[in-house]
C-alpha atoms as a PDB file:
ATOM      1  CA  UNK A   1      23.845   4.860 -37.456  1.00  0.00           C
ATOM      2  CA  UNK A   2      26.096   5.891 -34.503  1.00  0.00           C
ATOM      3  CA  UNK A   3      25.206   6.499 -31.452  1.00  0.00           C
ATOM      4  CA  UNK A   4      25.823  10.413 -30.167  1.00  0.00           C
ATOM      5  CA  UNK A   5      28.037  11.100 -26.826  1.00  0.00           C
ATOM      6  CA  UNK A   6      26.436  13.090 -24.039  1.00  0.00           C
ATOM      7  CA  UNK A   7      28.515  15.708 -22.576  1.00  0.00           C
ATOM      8  CA  UNK A   8      28.454  14.664 -19.142  1.00  0.00           C
ATOM      9  CA  UNK A   9      31.447  16.431 -17.804  1.00  0.00           C
ATOM     10  CA  UNK A  10      28.769  19.508 -18.429  1.00  0.00           C
ATOM     11  CA  UNK A  11      26.593  17.732 -15.955  1.00  0.00           C
ATOM     12  CA  UNK A  12      26.208  19.587 -12.393  1.00  0.00           C
ATOM     13  CA  UNK A  13      24.540  18.544  -9.263  1.00  0.00           C
ATOM     14  CA  UNK A  14      22.886  20.493  -6.986  1.00  0.00           C
ATOM     15  CA  UNK A  15      21.903  19.765  -3.180  1.00  0.00           C
ATOM     16  CA  UNK A  16      19.144  16.536  -3.394  1.00  0.00           C
ATOM     17  CA  UNK A  17      17.197  14.482  -0.956  1.00  0.00           C
ATOM     18  CA  UNK A  18      17.871  11.076   1.045  1.00  0.00           C
ATOM     19  CA  UNK A  19      15.027   8.811   2.246  1.00  0.00           C
ATOM     20  CA  UNK A  20      15.341   5.736   4.524  1.00  0.00           C
ATOM     21  CA  UNK A  21      11.842   3.296   3.301  1.00  0.00           C
ATOM     22  CA  UNK A  22      10.282   0.420   5.283  1.00  0.00           C
ATOM     23  CA  UNK A  23       8.886  -1.632   1.727  1.00  0.00           C
ATOM     24  CA  UNK A  24       8.142  -5.475   0.693  1.00  0.00           C
ATOM     25  CA  UNK A  25       6.519  -6.653  -2.311  1.00  0.00           C
ATOM     26  CA  UNK A  26       6.075 -10.332  -1.867  1.00  0.00           C
ATOM     27  CA  UNK A  27       4.304 -11.230  -5.313  1.00  0.00           C
ATOM     28  CA  UNK A  28       7.485 -10.185  -6.862  1.00  0.00           C
ATOM     29  CA  UNK A  29       9.490 -12.405  -4.388  1.00  0.00           C
ATOM     30  CA  UNK A  30      10.755  -8.649  -2.210  1.00  0.00           C
ATOM     31  CA  UNK A  31      10.930  -9.482   1.412  1.00  0.00           C
ATOM     32  CA  UNK A  32      10.677  -6.628   3.823  1.00  0.00           C
ATOM     33  CA  UNK A  33      13.469  -4.435   4.549  1.00  0.00           C
ATOM     34  CA  UNK A  34      15.014  -0.824   5.408  1.00  0.00           C
ATOM     35  CA  UNK A  35      16.191   0.617   2.010  1.00  0.00           C
ATOM     36  CA  UNK A  36      17.072   4.297   1.001  1.00  0.00           C
ATOM     37  CA  UNK A  37      16.116   6.849  -1.986  1.00  0.00           C
ATOM     38  CA  UNK A  38      18.425   9.342  -3.238  1.00  0.00           C
ATOM     39  CA  UNK A  39      17.493  11.566  -5.760  1.00  0.00           C
ATOM     40  CA  UNK A  40      20.553  14.294  -7.110  1.00  0.00           C
ATOM     41  CA  UNK A  41      19.196  16.671  -9.080  1.00  0.00           C
ATOM     42  CA  UNK A  42      21.075  18.631 -12.484  1.00  0.00           C
ATOM     43  CA  UNK A  43      21.696  22.344 -13.099  1.00  0.00           C
ATOM     44  CA  UNK A  44      19.574  22.633 -16.792  1.00  0.00           C
ATOM     45  CA  UNK A  45      22.233  21.662 -19.395  1.00  0.00           C
ATOM     46  CA  UNK A  46      22.496  20.750 -22.976  1.00  0.00           C
ATOM     47  CA  UNK A  47      22.713  17.482 -23.370  1.00  0.00           C
ATOM     48  CA  UNK A  48      22.875  17.711 -27.111  1.00  0.00           C
ATOM     49  CA  UNK A  49      19.890  15.355 -27.616  1.00  0.00           C
ATOM     50  CA  UNK A  50      17.051  16.610 -30.117  1.00  0.00           C
ATOM     51  CA  UNK A  51      14.134  17.090 -28.199  1.00  0.00           C
ATOM     52  CA  UNK A  52      16.151  17.366 -24.772  1.00  0.00           C
ATOM     53  CA  UNK A  53      15.514  21.330 -23.821  1.00  0.00           C
ATOM     54  CA  UNK A  54      18.350  22.679 -21.656  1.00  0.00           C
ATOM     55  CA  UNK A  55      15.671  24.296 -18.852  1.00  0.00           C
ATOM     56  CA  UNK A  56      13.828  21.018 -18.700  1.00  0.00           C
ATOM     57  CA  UNK A  57      14.426  19.294 -15.192  1.00  0.00           C
ATOM     58  CA  UNK A  58      16.803  16.656 -15.098  1.00  0.00           C
ATOM     59  CA  UNK A  59      17.645  14.259 -12.094  1.00  0.00           C
ATOM     60  CA  UNK A  60      19.165  10.985 -11.037  1.00  0.00           C
ATOM     61  CA  UNK A  61      16.675   8.827  -9.130  1.00  0.00           C
ATOM     62  CA  UNK A  62      18.480   5.934  -7.163  1.00  0.00           C
ATOM     63  CA  UNK A  63      15.454   4.361  -5.890  1.00  0.00           C
ATOM     64  CA  UNK A  64      15.297   1.066  -2.870  1.00  0.00           C
ATOM     65  CA  UNK A  65      19.578   1.560  -2.528  1.00  0.00           C
ATOM     66  CA  UNK A  66      20.537  -1.699  -0.158  1.00  0.00           C
ATOM     67  CA  UNK A  67      22.826   0.288   2.360  1.00  0.00           C
ATOM     68  CA  UNK A  68      24.205  -1.884   5.585  1.00  0.00           C
ATOM     69  CA  UNK A  69      22.973   1.037   7.732  1.00  0.00           C
ATOM     70  CA  UNK A  70      19.556   0.683  10.044  1.00  0.00           C
ATOM     71  CA  UNK A  71      20.433   4.075  11.032  1.00  0.00           C
ATOM     72  CA  UNK A  72      20.914   6.393   8.907  1.00  0.00           C
ATOM     73  CA  UNK A  73      23.155   8.635  11.091  1.00  0.00           C
ATOM     74  CA  UNK A  74      25.541   5.874  10.690  1.00  0.00           C
ATOM     75  CA  UNK A  75      26.299   7.132   7.285  1.00  0.00           C
ATOM     76  CA  UNK A  76      28.654   9.032   8.361  1.00  0.00           C
ATOM     77  CA  UNK A  77      31.960   8.140   6.670  1.00  0.00           C
ATOM     78  CA  UNK A  78      30.913   5.297   4.826  1.00  0.00           C
ATOM     79  CA  UNK A  79      31.908   4.282   1.258  1.00  0.00           C
ATOM     80  CA  UNK A  80      29.851   1.920  -0.189  1.00  0.00           C
ATOM     81  CA  UNK A  81      31.047  -0.231  -3.193  1.00  0.00           C
ATOM     82  CA  UNK A  82      27.626  -1.167  -4.677  1.00  0.00           C
ATOM     83  CA  UNK A  83      26.535  -4.675  -6.805  1.00  0.00           C
ATOM     84  CA  UNK A  84      24.895  -3.585 -10.145  1.00  0.00           C
ATOM     85  CA  UNK A  85      21.759  -4.280  -9.009  1.00  0.00           C
ATOM     86  CA  UNK A  86      21.373  -2.647  -5.397  1.00  0.00           C
ATOM     87  CA  UNK A  87      19.366   0.108  -6.368  1.00  0.00           C
ATOM     88  CA  UNK A  88      16.753   0.370  -9.214  1.00  0.00           C
ATOM     89  CA  UNK A  89      18.445   3.622 -11.024  1.00  0.00           C
ATOM     90  CA  UNK A  90      17.434   6.272 -13.479  1.00  0.00           C
ATOM     91  CA  UNK A  91      17.463   8.914 -15.388  1.00  0.00           C
ATOM     92  CA  UNK A  92      15.438  10.956 -18.056  1.00  0.00           C
ATOM     93  CA  UNK A  93      17.176  11.715 -20.885  1.00  0.00           C
ATOM     94  CA  UNK A  94      16.595  12.086 -24.696  1.00  0.00           C
ATOM     95  CA  UNK A  95      12.755  10.964 -23.926  1.00  0.00           C
ATOM     96  CA  UNK A  96      14.064   7.791 -22.769  1.00  0.00           C
ATOM     97  CA  UNK A  97      14.065   5.956 -19.118  1.00  0.00           C
ATOM     98  CA  UNK A  98      18.417   5.141 -18.764  1.00  0.00           C
ATOM     99  CA  UNK A  99      19.078   2.804 -16.430  1.00  0.00           C
ATOM    100  CA  UNK A 100      21.556   3.845 -13.924  1.00  0.00           C
ATOM    101  CA  UNK A 101      24.014   1.655 -11.648  1.00  0.00           C
ATOM    102  CA  UNK A 102      25.897   3.193  -8.649  1.00  0.00           C
ATOM    103  CA  UNK A 103      28.729   1.070  -8.149  1.00  0.00           C
ATOM    104  CA  UNK A 104      29.855   3.520  -5.840  1.00  0.00           C
ATOM    105  CA  UNK A 105      28.508   5.881  -2.547  1.00  0.00           C
ATOM    106  CA  UNK A 106      29.898   8.127  -0.144  1.00  0.00           C
ATOM    107  CA  UNK A 107      28.957   9.669   2.879  1.00  0.00           C
ATOM    108  CA  UNK A 108      30.140  12.881   4.965  1.00  0.00           C
ATOM    109  CA  UNK A 109      28.219  14.475   7.482  1.00  0.00           C
ATOM    110  CA  UNK A 110      28.424  18.661   7.560  1.00  0.00           C
ATOM    111  CA  UNK A 111      25.917  18.729  10.387  1.00  0.00           C
ATOM    112  CA  UNK A 112      22.325  17.409  11.395  1.00  0.00           C
ATOM    113  CA  UNK A 113      20.592  15.906   8.629  1.00  0.00           C
ATOM    114  CA  UNK A 114      23.236  17.261   6.014  1.00  0.00           C
ATOM    115  CA  UNK A 115      25.179  14.982   3.917  1.00  0.00           C
ATOM    116  CA  UNK A 116      28.035  15.206   1.530  1.00  0.00           C
ATOM    117  CA  UNK A 117      27.859  12.936  -1.125  1.00  0.00           C
ATOM    118  CA  UNK A 118      29.711  11.509  -3.736  1.00  0.00           C
ATOM    119  CA  UNK A 119      28.814   8.973  -6.272  1.00  0.00           C
ATOM    120  CA  UNK A 120      29.913   7.567  -9.276  1.00  0.00           C
ATOM    121  CA  UNK A 121      27.185   6.764 -11.973  1.00  0.00           C
ATOM    122  CA  UNK A 122      27.306   4.261 -15.190  1.00  0.00           C
ATOM    123  CA  UNK A 123      24.867   5.572 -17.289  1.00  0.00           C
ATOM    124  CA  UNK A 124      23.071   2.556 -19.761  1.00  0.00           C
ATOM    125  CA  UNK A 125      22.371   5.355 -22.563  1.00  0.00           C
ATOM    126  CA  UNK A 126      22.622   2.678 -25.273  1.00  0.00           C
ATOM    127  CA  UNK A 127      19.467   0.702 -23.213  1.00  0.00           C
ATOM    128  CA  UNK A 128      17.021   2.880 -25.526  1.00  0.00           C
ATOM    129  CA  UNK A 129      19.534   3.801 -28.316  1.00  0.00           C
ATOM    130  CA  UNK A 130      19.751   7.315 -27.007  1.00  0.00           C
ATOM    131  CA  UNK A 131      23.470   7.998 -27.110  1.00  0.00           C
ATOM    132  CA  UNK A 132      27.092   6.253 -25.813  1.00  0.00           C
ATOM    133  CA  UNK A 133      26.914   4.118 -22.353  1.00  0.00           C
ATOM    134  CA  UNK A 134      29.121   6.365 -19.731  1.00  0.00           C
ATOM    135  CA  UNK A 135      29.977   7.548 -16.388  1.00  0.00           C
ATOM    136  CA  UNK A 136      29.420  10.515 -14.099  1.00  0.00           C
ATOM    137  CA  UNK A 137      30.745  11.245 -11.001  1.00  0.00           C
ATOM    138  CA  UNK A 138      29.092  14.002  -8.955  1.00  0.00           C
ATOM    139  CA  UNK A 139      29.148  15.826  -5.855  1.00  0.00           C
ATOM    140  CA  UNK A 140      26.635  16.990  -4.040  1.00  0.00           C
ATOM    141  CA  UNK A 141      24.966  17.720  -0.230  1.00  0.00           C
ATOM    142  CA  UNK A 142      21.933  15.768   0.029  1.00  0.00           C
ATOM    143  CA  UNK A 143      19.634  16.237   3.571  1.00  0.00           C
ATOM    144  CA  UNK A 144      18.252  13.283   4.954  1.00  0.00           C
ATOM    145  CA  UNK A 145      14.385  13.700   5.350  1.00  0.00           C
ATOM    146  CA  UNK A 146      13.069  10.866   7.715  1.00  0.00           C
ATOM    147  CA  UNK A 147      11.878   7.281   7.191  1.00  0.00           C
ATOM    148  CA  UNK A 148       8.781   6.780   5.011  1.00  0.00           C
ATOM    149  CA  UNK A 149       6.632   3.080   4.866  1.00  0.00           C
ATOM    150  CA  UNK A 150       5.232   1.973   2.085  1.00  0.00           C
ATOM    151  CA  UNK A 151       1.357   1.867   3.251  1.00  0.00           C
ATOM    152  CA  UNK A 152      -0.326  -1.182   2.611  1.00  0.00           C
ATOM    153  CA  UNK A 153       2.259  -2.753   5.395  1.00  0.00           C
ATOM    154  CA  UNK A 154      -0.586  -0.790   7.598  1.00  0.00           C
ATOM    155  CA  UNK A 155      -3.418  -1.793   6.146  1.00  0.00           C
ATOM    156  CA  UNK A 156      -5.979  -3.511   8.224  1.00  0.00           C
ATOM    157  CA  UNK A 157      -4.629  -2.287  11.239  1.00  0.00           C
ATOM    158  CA  UNK A 158      -6.582  -0.374  13.976  1.00  0.00           C
ATOM    159  CA  UNK A 159      -3.423   0.977  15.506  1.00  0.00           C
ATOM    160  CA  UNK A 160      -1.382   2.439  12.686  1.00  0.00           C
ATOM    161  CA  UNK A 161       0.686   3.988  14.903  1.00  0.00           C
ATOM    162  CA  UNK A 162       1.710   0.981  17.286  1.00  0.00           C
ATOM    163  CA  UNK A 163       2.651  -1.168  14.235  1.00  0.00           C
ATOM    164  CA  UNK A 164       4.442   1.841  12.387  1.00  0.00           C
ATOM    165  CA  UNK A 165       6.321   2.054  15.374  1.00  0.00           C
ATOM    166  CA  UNK A 166       7.332  -1.706  15.794  1.00  0.00           C
ATOM    167  CA  UNK A 167       8.287  -1.909  11.831  1.00  0.00           C
ATOM    168  CA  UNK A 168      10.604   1.291  12.725  1.00  0.00           C
ATOM    169  CA  UNK A 169      12.125  -1.070  15.554  1.00  0.00           C
ATOM    170  CA  UNK A 170      12.428  -4.043  13.547  1.00  0.00           C
ATOM    171  CA  UNK A 171      14.461  -2.768  11.391  1.00  0.00           C
ATOM    172  CA  UNK A 172      15.834   0.630  11.817  1.00  0.00           C
ATOM    173  CA  UNK A 173      17.285   2.070  14.361  1.00  0.00           C
ATOM    174  CA  UNK A 174      14.253   4.152  16.570  1.00  0.00           C
ATOM    175  CA  UNK A 175      16.203   6.524  18.679  1.00  0.00           C
ATOM    176  CA  UNK A 176      17.630   8.057  15.496  1.00  0.00           C
ATOM    177  CA  UNK A 177      13.983   9.311  14.683  1.00  0.00           C
ATOM    178  CA  UNK A 178      10.889  11.568  16.070  1.00  0.00           C
ATOM    179  CA  UNK A 179       9.021   9.307  18.705  1.00  0.00           C
ATOM    180  CA  UNK A 180       5.449   9.570  16.915  1.00  0.00           C
ATOM    181  CA  UNK A 181       5.016   9.133  13.347  1.00  0.00           C
ATOM    182  CA  UNK A 182       3.453  11.767  11.254  1.00  0.00           C
ATOM    183  CA  UNK A 183       0.378  10.504   8.370  1.00  0.00           C
ATOM    184  CA  UNK A 184      -0.506  12.323   5.393  1.00  0.00           C
ATOM    185  CA  UNK A 185      -2.332  11.087   2.221  1.00  0.00           C
ATOM    186  CA  UNK A 186       0.337  10.008   0.668  1.00  0.00           C
ATOM    187  CA  UNK A 187       1.462   6.525  -1.022  1.00  0.00           C
ATOM    188  CA  UNK A 188       4.497   6.746   1.769  1.00  0.00           C
ATOM    189  CA  UNK A 189       2.960   6.660   4.778  1.00  0.00           C
ATOM    190  CA  UNK A 190       3.547   7.626   7.459  1.00  0.00           C
ATOM    191  CA  UNK A 191       6.968   9.131   7.847  1.00  0.00           C
ATOM    192  CA  UNK A 192       9.258   9.134  11.131  1.00  0.00           C
ATOM    193  CA  UNK A 193      11.409  12.932  11.038  1.00  0.00           C
ATOM    194  CA  UNK A 194      14.598  12.390  11.127  1.00  0.00           C
ATOM    195  CA  UNK A 195      16.277  12.918  15.031  1.00  0.00           C
ATOM    196  CA  UNK A 196      20.161  13.959  13.903  1.00  0.00           C
ATOM    197  CA  UNK A 197      21.446  13.941  17.655  1.00  0.00           C
ATOM    198  CA  UNK A 198      23.483  10.476  18.631  1.00  0.00           C
END
């Protein structure tokens, strides 16, 4: 049975979000590092796949992007040519998880924390025999939301704010963020709010 083709030309990007994150997982051999997460929602479209309602939200999730940019403000004007394993990317279509590689990503600052982003996305729709694999090129705006730290890096620490600031100084650019972190009750905490002025 031959696989169908998803009409990727119907995919239209909506405004997305960008986060920096400090993460480590020594159990899988991943040392502490600075990563970026990029999320690009799509306007409703008909994929032509059974079980895919056009009005169900679809989005590209590109997690753990390895971008050589400790200061998020320095993303402006840069183009990244990325290796196949430089992100944990996916899109959920056809009731399946479809891996996505991001070979090319461009940033242009618009104002403050907003960027124009152009992305080339290689979609492996054949991973779960959903459809023929294809390449998608999208352009949209994204807002940089700040830097998050995985909460277990602050376990067993009395002064969590000081520890968070030490991690920020070790891996990122402290001057690109508010001086004090904000703490919530999420898996990713604390959050350093961005400071757009250079």
